[in-house]
Amino acid sequence: MESYGPCGRKHVVGCLWVLWTASILLLAPDRAWSWGCEGHQAVAMIAEKHMSPHATEQVNKLLRGVPIDPTLSRWCSSQGLDLMSDASTWADDLRKVQPEASSWHYIDIPRGAPRSALAESCPASTGCVTSALEHQIEVLRNDRSTAQTRADALRFVIHLVGDLHQPLHCVSNNDMGGNCIPVDFFGKAPVEKNPQFESYFPNLHSIWDFGIIVRLMGRETVAQWAGSIDQQFRSRAGRWEKAGIHVEEWTWESHELADSVVYAKLPVVVPVEKPQPMKSCVDDNHVSARMLNLHEQISQQYVDAVAPTIDEQIAKAGVRLAMILNQIWP
């Protein structure tokens, strides 16, 4: 298996310190974040490589005609990005002003649950990533909607396709998608950042969102990384396209990867918890404190084991996003 080096495909001294200082701002578990800036941008860039000229034209026309509100605080820099890549992270920023949409970014399918649990895990009162994506696709299709409504729907679609391909956004082990599993990440011991919620950083969710991706990118730009992933999986794109658009199947696929890869490859076994409602890492008998006692230490061995899955999920998300947009604008 290819080794991804101590800080990516190429050795990068100090990149983890950048990751640490940027991510330390996320003090409490938040299920809205996924793939970080780079992962979502890469999904959009790969999608653009598979989009028809007409779909590309219509996407750019809509995004250009209804730009992102300049007063909205943006977590990710837009410098050097095209319209679609910049739009890919907008939905995470929007949660500050539209918190009711936070539940649209994930679905809490209990670990070890049967396939039928997918529908049960998406409450009609709040929605989930599966229902939100399907709804936003329909809004985008509706020519009678206002340009603002369709532009926002497009930005949600670009983002949510990425979200549901992040395995930890499609699973719950009473750990808020891995947010309640403290980990030592290449020598950075977990530190409690919010005693009220018993949240720790680094944690399993955060390293899947951006910790591991930063290491995989190394010195590559997002565009270079996206290009190399697309090239690696280009021969499989036709098969994914032929399978068609099936949002629930994609969601279940991610859920299964959470169990078979994210949890299975951890150095210490994480037991399957009996499902119960969770509001923070304090619940389920102080789950984060119990997980802290497992002393999970993430090293190069884990990164090498999960990197192929991360690459493939980013590639699939890009190809499938293009499929959706090509179908709307054939």
Protein backbone atom coordinates (compact mmCIF):
# COMPACT_ATOMS: atom_id res chain seq x y z
CA MET A 1 0.00 0.00 0.00
CA GLU A 2 1.20 3.50 -0.81
CA SER A 3 2.53 5.40 2.18
CA TYR A 4 1.24 8.93 2.49
CA GLY A 5 4.27 10.18 4.40
CA PRO A 6 4.45 11.94 7.76
CA CYS A 7 2.57 14.93 6.35
CA GLY A 8 1.05 13.94 3.07
CA ARG A 9 2.21 12.41 -0.18
CA LYS A 10 5.13 14.77 0.22
CA HIS A 11 6.76 15.56 3.55
CA VAL A 12 5.52 18.84 4.93
CA VAL A 13 7.05 20.16 8.13
CA GLY A 14 4.64 21.99 10.36
CA CYS A 15 1.41 21.51 8.41
CA LEU A 16 -0.26 19.94 11.44
CA TRP A 17 0.37 23.09 13.42
CA VAL A 18 -1.65 25.01 10.83
CA LEU A 19 -4.40 22.46 11.16
CA TRP A 20 -4.32 22.63 14.94
CA THR A 21 -4.46 26.41 15.23
CA ALA A 22 -7.24 26.73 12.64
CA SER A 23 -9.38 23.94 14.03
CA ILE A 24 -8.98 24.81 17.68
CA LEU A 25 -11.79 27.34 17.18
CA LEU A 26 -14.30 24.49 16.99
CA LEU A 27 -14.80 24.06 20.72
CA ALA A 28 -18.05 22.10 20.83
CA PRO A 29 -19.10 19.13 18.72
CA ASP A 30 -20.76 20.33 15.53
CA ARG A 31 -22.21 17.85 13.10
CA ALA A 32 -22.39 20.44 10.30
CA TRP A 33 -18.72 20.35 9.38
CA SER A 34 -17.52 17.78 6.88
CA TRP A 35 -14.46 17.39 4.65
CA GLY A 36 -13.31 20.86 5.71
CA CYS A 37 -12.60 23.51 3.10
CA GLU A 38 -10.32 21.43 0.92
CA GLY A 39 -12.52 18.35 0.74
CA HIS A 40 -15.64 20.21 -0.36
CA GLN A 41 -13.67 22.31 -2.84
CA ALA A 42 -12.11 19.16 -4.30
CA VAL A 43 -15.57 17.59 -4.77
CA ALA A 44 -16.69 20.67 -6.73
CA MET A 45 -13.51 20.69 -8.83
CA ILE A 46 -13.90 17.02 -9.72
CA ALA A 47 -17.56 17.58 -10.58
CA GLU A 48 -16.60 20.33 -13.02
CA LYS A 49 -14.39 17.85 -14.89
CA HIS A 50 -17.44 15.63 -15.52
CA MET A 51 -20.10 18.25 -16.22
CA SER A 52 -21.53 18.92 -19.65
CA PRO A 53 -20.83 22.33 -21.23
CA HIS A 54 -24.49 23.25 -20.82
CA ALA A 55 -24.56 22.32 -17.12
CA THR A 56 -21.34 24.25 -16.54
CA GLU A 57 -22.78 27.29 -18.30
CA GLN A 58 -26.03 27.21 -16.31
CA VAL A 59 -24.31 26.67 -12.96
CA ASN A 60 -21.98 29.61 -13.52
CA LYS A 61 -24.82 31.78 -14.81
CA LEU A 62 -26.91 31.12 -11.70
CA LEU A 63 -24.07 31.55 -9.22
CA ARG A 64 -22.82 34.69 -10.95
CA GLY A 65 -26.31 36.19 -11.17
CA VAL A 66 -27.03 35.67 -7.46
CA PRO A 67 -23.70 36.01 -5.64
CA ILE A 68 -23.10 34.98 -2.04
CA ASP A 69 -24.09 37.68 0.44
CA PRO A 70 -20.87 39.66 1.01
CA THR A 71 -21.86 40.25 4.66
CA LEU A 72 -21.88 36.50 5.39
CA SER A 73 -18.84 35.53 7.42
CA ARG A 74 -16.89 32.89 5.47
CA TRP A 75 -14.79 30.21 7.17
CA CYS A 76 -12.96 29.19 3.99
CA SER A 77 -11.01 31.61 1.83
CA SER A 78 -12.37 32.16 -1.68
CA GLN A 79 -9.03 33.34 -3.02
CA GLY A 80 -8.18 31.68 -6.33
CA LEU A 81 -11.43 29.68 -6.46
CA ASP A 82 -14.02 29.65 -9.22
CA LEU A 83 -17.72 30.17 -8.47
CA MET A 84 -18.61 26.52 -7.94
CA SER A 85 -15.63 25.73 -5.70
CA ASP A 86 -16.32 28.79 -3.58
CA ALA A 87 -20.00 27.85 -3.34
CA SER A 88 -19.10 24.39 -2.03
CA THR A 89 -18.53 25.60 1.55
CA TRP A 90 -21.34 28.20 1.73
CA ALA A 91 -23.80 25.86 3.49
CA ASP A 92 -21.47 25.52 6.48
CA ASP A 93 -21.24 29.29 6.81
CA LEU A 94 -25.01 29.67 6.55
CA ARG A 95 -25.62 27.72 9.77
CA LYS A 96 -24.66 30.85 11.73
CA VAL A 97 -27.74 32.65 10.39
CA GLN A 98 -29.91 29.61 9.63
CA PRO A 99 -29.22 27.15 12.49
CA GLU A 100 -32.37 25.18 11.72
CA ALA A 101 -30.56 23.85 8.63
CA SER A 102 -27.77 22.26 10.70
CA SER A 103 -29.55 18.90 10.78
CA TRP A 104 -29.51 18.83 6.97
CA HIS A 105 -25.80 17.99 6.94
CA TYR A 106 -25.94 14.49 8.47
CA ILE A 107 -28.09 11.48 9.30
CA ASP A 108 -27.73 9.54 12.55
CA ILE A 109 -28.10 5.94 11.40
CA PRO A 110 -27.19 3.79 14.43
CA ARG A 111 -24.07 1.75 14.00
CA GLY A 112 -24.93 -1.88 13.32
CA ALA A 113 -28.53 -1.06 12.35
CA PRO A 114 -30.34 -2.78 9.45
CA ARG A 115 -30.95 -1.05 6.11
CA SER A 116 -34.49 -0.18 7.19
CA ALA A 117 -33.08 2.17 9.83
CA LEU A 118 -32.19 4.72 7.15
CA ALA A 119 -35.75 5.99 6.86
CA GLU A 120 -36.27 5.87 10.63
CA SER A 121 -33.13 7.96 11.18
CA CYS A 122 -34.41 10.96 9.23
CA PRO A 123 -37.04 12.77 11.35
CA ALA A 124 -39.62 14.66 9.31
CA SER A 125 -39.52 17.46 11.89
CA THR A 126 -35.85 18.29 11.30
CA GLY A 127 -34.84 16.56 8.11
CA CYS A 128 -31.43 15.04 7.42
CA VAL A 129 -28.80 15.08 4.69
CA THR A 130 -30.74 12.56 2.58
CA SER A 131 -34.09 14.38 2.61
CA ALA A 132 -32.45 17.81 2.40
CA LEU A 133 -30.46 16.88 -0.70
CA GLU A 134 -33.48 15.38 -2.44
CA HIS A 135 -35.56 18.48 -1.60
CA GLN A 136 -32.92 20.94 -2.78
CA ILE A 137 -32.56 19.04 -6.07
CA GLU A 138 -36.29 19.45 -6.65
CA VAL A 139 -36.12 23.16 -5.79
CA LEU A 140 -33.27 23.57 -8.26
CA ARG A 141 -35.29 21.82 -10.97
CA ASN A 142 -38.23 24.18 -10.49
CA ASP A 143 -37.97 26.95 -13.09
CA ARG A 144 -40.79 28.81 -11.34
CA SER A 145 -38.63 29.37 -8.23
CA THR A 146 -36.89 32.73 -7.88
CA ALA A 147 -33.26 33.04 -8.95
CA GLN A 148 -32.27 33.53 -5.29
CA THR A 149 -34.08 30.35 -4.22
CA ARG A 150 -32.52 28.30 -7.02
CA ALA A 151 -29.03 29.70 -6.40
CA ASP A 152 -29.27 28.79 -2.72
CA ALA A 153 -30.57 25.34 -3.67
CA LEU A 154 -27.63 24.87 -6.01
CA ARG A 155 -25.18 25.79 -3.27
CA PHE A 156 -26.88 23.33 -0.93
CA VAL A 157 -26.73 20.56 -3.54
CA ILE A 158 -23.01 21.15 -4.17
CA HIS A 159 -22.33 20.96 -0.44
CA LEU A 160 -24.70 18.19 0.65
CA VAL A 161 -23.46 15.72 -1.95
CA GLY A 162 -20.06 16.09 -0.31
CA ASP A 163 -21.54 15.74 3.17
CA LEU A 164 -23.26 12.43 2.56
CA HIS A 165 -20.03 10.95 1.18
CA GLN A 166 -18.27 11.62 4.50
CA PRO A 167 -18.92 8.32 6.35
CA LEU A 168 -19.14 9.92 9.79
CA HIS A 169 -22.02 12.08 8.56
CA CYS A 170 -24.08 8.92 8.04
CA VAL A 171 -23.61 7.11 11.32
CA SER A 172 -24.09 7.42 15.05
CA ASN A 173 -22.60 5.30 17.80
CA ASN A 174 -23.94 7.70 20.45
CA ASP A 175 -20.82 9.71 19.60
CA MET A 176 -22.25 12.48 17.39
CA GLY A 177 -20.54 11.12 14.32
CA GLY A 178 -17.20 10.59 16.03
CA ASN A 179 -17.14 14.01 17.71
CA CYS A 180 -17.25 12.25 21.09
CA ILE A 181 -14.24 10.02 20.42
CA PRO A 182 -11.09 11.86 21.55
CA VAL A 183 -7.97 10.81 19.69
CA ASP A 184 -4.26 11.44 19.90
CA PHE A 185 -3.39 12.62 16.38
CA PHE A 186 0.30 12.12 15.58
CA GLY A 187 1.33 13.05 19.10
CA LYS A 188 -1.26 15.78 19.67
CA ALA A 189 -3.06 14.54 22.75
CA PRO A 190 -6.80 15.28 23.05
CA VAL A 191 -7.59 18.31 25.17
CA GLU A 192 -10.99 19.09 26.69
CA LYS A 193 -12.14 22.31 25.06
CA ASN A 194 -15.64 22.61 26.49
CA PRO A 195 -16.21 21.04 29.92
CA GLN A 196 -19.96 21.73 29.72
CA PHE A 197 -20.31 19.48 26.67
CA GLU A 198 -17.29 17.30 27.54
CA SER A 199 -15.93 17.87 24.04
CA TYR A 200 -12.33 17.10 23.15
CA PHE A 201 -10.03 18.05 20.32
CA PRO A 202 -8.65 16.32 18.32
CA ASN A 203 -11.48 13.85 17.89
CA LEU A 204 -12.34 11.22 15.31
CA HIS A 205 -14.73 13.48 13.40
CA SER A 206 -12.28 16.37 13.15
CA ILE A 207 -9.45 14.27 11.79
CA TRP A 208 -11.74 12.85 9.10
CA ASP A 209 -13.00 16.33 8.23
CA PHE A 210 -9.62 17.93 7.72
CA GLY A 211 -6.78 16.41 9.77
CA ILE A 212 -6.15 13.46 7.49
CA ILE A 213 -6.93 15.43 4.32
CA VAL A 214 -4.26 17.99 5.17
CA ARG A 215 -1.76 15.17 5.42
CA LEU A 216 -2.93 13.60 2.17
CA MET A 217 -2.63 16.88 0.28
CA GLY A 218 0.90 17.58 1.40
CA ARG A 219 2.28 20.43 -0.71
CA GLU A 220 -0.34 20.04 -3.41
CA THR A 221 -2.92 22.74 -4.00
CA VAL A 222 -6.57 21.74 -3.77
CA ALA A 223 -6.78 21.81 -7.57
CA GLN A 224 -3.74 19.54 -7.89
CA TRP A 225 -5.07 17.13 -5.27
CA ALA A 226 -8.52 17.03 -6.90
CA GLY A 227 -6.91 16.44 -10.29
CA SER A 228 -4.83 13.54 -9.05
CA ILE A 229 -7.84 11.91 -7.36
CA ASP A 230 -9.95 12.34 -10.50
CA GLN A 231 -7.22 10.78 -12.62
CA GLN A 232 -6.86 7.88 -10.18
CA PHE A 233 -10.55 7.00 -10.38
CA ARG A 234 -11.31 8.14 -13.93
CA SER A 235 -11.72 4.54 -15.13
CA ARG A 236 -14.47 3.92 -12.56
CA ALA A 237 -16.49 7.05 -13.31
CA GLY A 238 -18.45 5.41 -16.11
CA ARG A 239 -19.60 2.62 -13.81
CA TRP A 240 -20.74 5.13 -11.17
CA GLU A 241 -22.59 7.14 -13.79
CA LYS A 242 -24.28 4.04 -15.19
CA ALA A 243 -25.60 3.15 -11.72
CA GLY A 244 -27.70 6.31 -11.75
CA ILE A 245 -28.76 8.81 -9.10
CA HIS A 246 -29.84 7.07 -5.89
CA VAL A 247 -29.36 9.36 -2.88
CA GLU A 248 -30.46 6.83 -0.26
CA GLU A 249 -28.13 4.17 -1.68
CA TRP A 250 -25.22 6.61 -1.55
CA THR A 251 -26.11 7.39 2.07
CA TRP A 252 -26.22 3.73 3.06
CA GLU A 253 -22.93 3.12 1.28
CA SER A 254 -21.31 5.81 3.43
CA HIS A 255 -22.91 4.35 6.55
CA GLU A 256 -21.41 0.95 5.84
CA LEU A 257 -17.98 2.51 5.23
CA ALA A 258 -18.16 4.15 8.64
CA ASP A 259 -18.32 0.71 10.24
CA SER A 260 -16.02 -1.19 7.89
CA VAL A 261 -13.33 1.49 7.61
CA VAL A 262 -13.60 4.44 10.01
CA TYR A 263 -14.23 2.40 13.16
CA ALA A 264 -12.79 -0.93 12.02
CA LYS A 265 -9.33 0.47 11.28
CA LEU A 266 -8.95 2.21 14.65
CA PRO A 267 -6.11 0.85 16.78
CA VAL A 268 -8.47 0.20 19.73
CA VAL A 269 -11.88 -1.40 19.21
CA VAL A 270 -14.81 0.93 19.83
CA PRO A 271 -17.78 -1.13 21.05
CA VAL A 272 -21.20 -0.70 19.46
CA GLU A 273 -23.38 1.37 21.79
CA LYS A 274 -27.09 0.80 22.38
CA PRO A 275 -28.77 3.69 20.50
CA GLN A 276 -30.20 6.50 22.57
CA PRO A 277 -30.94 10.23 22.04
CA MET A 278 -27.83 12.39 22.20
CA LYS A 279 -27.55 16.14 22.76
CA SER A 280 -23.86 16.28 23.70
CA CYS A 281 -20.90 14.10 24.64
CA VAL A 282 -22.10 14.19 28.26
CA ASP A 283 -24.93 11.79 27.39
CA ASP A 284 -24.80 7.98 27.26
CA ASN A 285 -23.02 7.85 30.61
CA HIS A 286 -20.41 10.46 29.62
CA VAL A 287 -19.53 8.81 26.33
CA SER A 288 -16.55 11.05 25.55
CA ALA A 289 -14.95 10.34 28.94
CA ARG A 290 -15.40 6.62 28.33
CA MET A 291 -13.96 6.91 24.82
CA LEU A 292 -11.04 8.96 26.17
CA ASN A 293 -10.09 5.95 28.28
CA LEU A 294 -9.59 3.91 25.11
CA HIS A 295 -6.49 6.02 24.37
CA GLU A 296 -6.93 5.99 20.59
CA GLN A 297 -3.62 6.94 18.97
CA ILE A 298 -3.85 7.83 15.30
CA SER A 299 -0.61 7.26 13.44
CA GLN A 300 0.55 6.75 9.86
CA GLN A 301 -0.76 3.20 9.94
CA TYR A 302 -4.36 4.44 10.30
CA VAL A 303 -3.92 7.14 7.65
CA ASP A 304 -2.56 4.60 5.16
CA ALA A 305 -5.46 2.26 5.94
CA VAL A 306 -8.23 4.85 5.40
CA ALA A 307 -6.69 7.07 2.71
CA PRO A 308 -7.94 4.98 -0.24
CA THR A 309 -11.50 5.27 1.09
CA ILE A 310 -11.24 9.03 1.53
CA ASP A 311 -9.88 9.44 -1.99
CA GLU A 312 -12.62 7.26 -3.47
CA GLN A 313 -15.42 9.01 -1.56
CA ILE A 314 -14.18 12.42 -2.72
CA ALA A 315 -14.04 11.10 -6.31
CA LYS A 316 -17.50 9.53 -6.10
CA ALA A 317 -18.97 12.71 -4.65
CA GLY A 318 -17.55 14.75 -7.53
CA VAL A 319 -18.78 12.39 -10.23
CA ARG A 320 -22.21 12.03 -8.63
CA LEU A 321 -22.59 15.78 -8.18
CA ALA A 322 -21.89 16.16 -11.88
CA MET A 323 -24.51 13.49 -12.62
CA ILE A 324 -27.17 15.48 -10.74
CA LEU A 325 -26.30 18.76 -12.47
CA ASN A 326 -26.04 17.13 -15.91
CA GLN A 327 -29.51 15.65 -15.41
CA ILE A 328 -30.96 19.04 -14.46
CA TRP A 329 -29.23 20.76 -17.39
CA PRO A 330 -28.73 18.07 -20.08
